Amino acid sequence: DPQFSLDGKKLVYLVANTVQQNGEHKILSSEIWTANRDGSGAKRLTKGRVDGNARWSPDGKRIAFLSGADVY
């Protein structure tokens, strides 16, 4: 579910680490990454959790996402 910033210069996307069990793929972790439109400058924003549904804020300065991190 890649999402381009409003100016079209940046991309936010998900990288999922999976394992196959009983013929089905199970997500072990999913991380949020950003990159320039041409794929250069890739940068991981989250690590080792199950995160997803990343969306740019209307001003293009922030990224909101659902996090699988434990919150206490």
C-alpha atoms as a PDB file:
ATOM      1  CA  ASP A   1       0.000   0.000   0.000  1.00  0.00           C
ATOM      2  CA  PRO A   2       2.609   2.603  -1.026  1.00  0.00           C
ATOM      3  CA  GLN A   3       1.597   6.226  -0.576  1.00  0.00           C
ATOM      4  CA  PHE A   4       3.120   9.240  -2.332  1.00  0.00           C
ATOM      5  CA  SER A   5       3.421  12.563  -0.531  1.00  0.00           C
ATOM      6  CA  LEU A   6       1.141  15.311  -1.859  1.00  0.00           C
ATOM      7  CA  ASP A   7       4.010  16.901  -3.802  1.00  0.00           C
ATOM      8  CA  GLY A   8       4.846  13.484  -5.301  1.00  0.00           C
ATOM      9  CA  LYS A   9       8.502  13.632  -4.241  1.00  0.00           C
ATOM     10  CA  LYS A  10       8.451  11.051  -1.425  1.00  0.00           C
ATOM     11  CA  LEU A  11       7.010   7.618  -0.905  1.00  0.00           C
ATOM     12  CA  VAL A  12       6.058   5.804   2.301  1.00  0.00           C
ATOM     13  CA  TYR A  13       5.697   2.034   2.105  1.00  0.00           C
ATOM     14  CA  LEU A  14       5.604  -1.180   4.111  1.00  0.00           C
ATOM     15  CA  VAL A  15       8.210  -3.948   4.174  1.00  0.00           C
ATOM     16  CA  ALA A  16       6.849  -7.197   5.615  1.00  0.00           C
ATOM     17  CA  ASN A  17       8.883 -10.149   6.849  1.00  0.00           C
ATOM     18  CA  THR A  18       6.889 -13.344   6.416  1.00  0.00           C
ATOM     19  CA  VAL A  19       7.145 -17.089   6.973  1.00  0.00           C
ATOM     20  CA  GLN A  20       5.120 -19.787   5.284  1.00  0.00           C
ATOM     21  CA  GLN A  21       3.182 -22.102   7.586  1.00  0.00           C
ATOM     22  CA  ASN A  22       0.708 -24.729   6.437  1.00  0.00           C
ATOM     23  CA  GLY A  23       0.628 -23.221   2.945  1.00  0.00           C
ATOM     24  CA  GLU A  24      -0.147 -19.697   4.184  1.00  0.00           C
ATOM     25  CA  HIS A  25       2.090 -16.676   4.685  1.00  0.00           C
ATOM     26  CA  LYS A  26       2.225 -15.313   8.229  1.00  0.00           C
ATOM     27  CA  ILE A  27       3.579 -11.814   8.893  1.00  0.00           C
ATOM     28  CA  LEU A  28       6.349 -11.865  11.488  1.00  0.00           C
ATOM     29  CA  SER A  29       6.995  -8.134  11.370  1.00  0.00           C
ATOM     30  CA  SER A  30       6.227  -5.176   9.128  1.00  0.00           C
ATOM     31  CA  GLU A  31       8.161  -1.936   9.087  1.00  0.00           C
ATOM     32  CA  ILE A  32       7.490   1.520   7.684  1.00  0.00           C
ATOM     33  CA  TRP A  33      10.020   2.910   5.185  1.00  0.00           C
ATOM     34  CA  THR A  34      10.318   6.134   3.185  1.00  0.00           C
ATOM     35  CA  ALA A  35      12.211   6.867  -0.019  1.00  0.00           C
ATOM     36  CA  ASN A  36      12.438   9.456  -2.745  1.00  0.00           C
ATOM     37  CA  ARG A  37      10.162   8.914  -5.739  1.00  0.00           C
ATOM     38  CA  ASP A  38      13.048   7.382  -7.727  1.00  0.00           C
ATOM     39  CA  GLY A  39      13.788   4.876  -4.927  1.00  0.00           C
ATOM     40  CA  SER A  40      16.911   6.619  -3.654  1.00  0.00           C
ATOM     41  CA  GLY A  41      17.397   7.644  -0.043  1.00  0.00           C
ATOM     42  CA  ALA A  42      15.463   4.719   1.473  1.00  0.00           C
ATOM     43  CA  LYS A  43      15.108   5.069   5.239  1.00  0.00           C
ATOM     44  CA  ARG A  44      13.496   2.723   7.772  1.00  0.00           C
ATOM     45  CA  LEU A  45      11.217   4.545  10.222  1.00  0.00           C
ATOM     46  CA  THR A  46      10.119   1.626  12.416  1.00  0.00           C
ATOM     47  CA  LYS A  47      11.825  -1.648  13.297  1.00  0.00           C
ATOM     48  CA  GLY A  48      10.805  -5.133  14.375  1.00  0.00           C
ATOM     49  CA  ARG A  49       7.122  -4.524  15.015  1.00  0.00           C
ATOM     50  CA  VAL A  50       3.916  -5.032  13.114  1.00  0.00           C
ATOM     51  CA  ASP A  51       3.173  -1.550  11.755  1.00  0.00           C
ATOM     52  CA  GLY A  52       1.089  -0.548   8.760  1.00  0.00           C
ATOM     53  CA  ASN A  53      -1.434   1.725   7.063  1.00  0.00           C
ATOM     54  CA  ALA A  54       1.008   4.632   6.769  1.00  0.00           C
ATOM     55  CA  ARG A  55      -0.434   7.910   5.470  1.00  0.00           C
ATOM     56  CA  TRP A  56       1.060  11.367   4.943  1.00  0.00           C
ATOM     57  CA  SER A  57      -0.330  14.298   6.906  1.00  0.00           C
ATOM     58  CA  PRO A  58      -2.044  16.980   4.805  1.00  0.00           C
ATOM     59  CA  ASP A  59       1.022  19.247   5.056  1.00  0.00           C
ATOM     60  CA  GLY A  60       3.356  16.379   4.045  1.00  0.00           C
ATOM     61  CA  LYS A  61       5.584  16.827   7.106  1.00  0.00           C
ATOM     62  CA  ARG A  62       4.411  13.850   9.160  1.00  0.00           C
ATOM     63  CA  ILE A  63       3.427  10.237   8.667  1.00  0.00           C
ATOM     64  CA  ALA A  64       0.657   8.588  10.674  1.00  0.00           C
ATOM     65  CA  PHE A  65       0.476   4.802  10.951  1.00  0.00           C
ATOM     66  CA  LEU A  66      -1.031   1.992  12.968  1.00  0.00           C
ATOM     67  CA  SER A  67       1.505   0.474  15.333  1.00  0.00           C
ATOM     68  CA  GLY A  68       1.777  -2.999  16.751  1.00  0.00           C
ATOM     69  CA  ALA A  69       3.985  -1.729  19.586  1.00  0.00           C
ATOM     70  CA  ASP A  70       2.916  -2.487  23.118  1.00  0.00           C
ATOM     71  CA  VAL A  71       1.710   0.599  24.963  1.00  0.00           C
ATOM     72  CA  TYR A  72       1.430   0.617  28.742  1.00  0.00           C
END
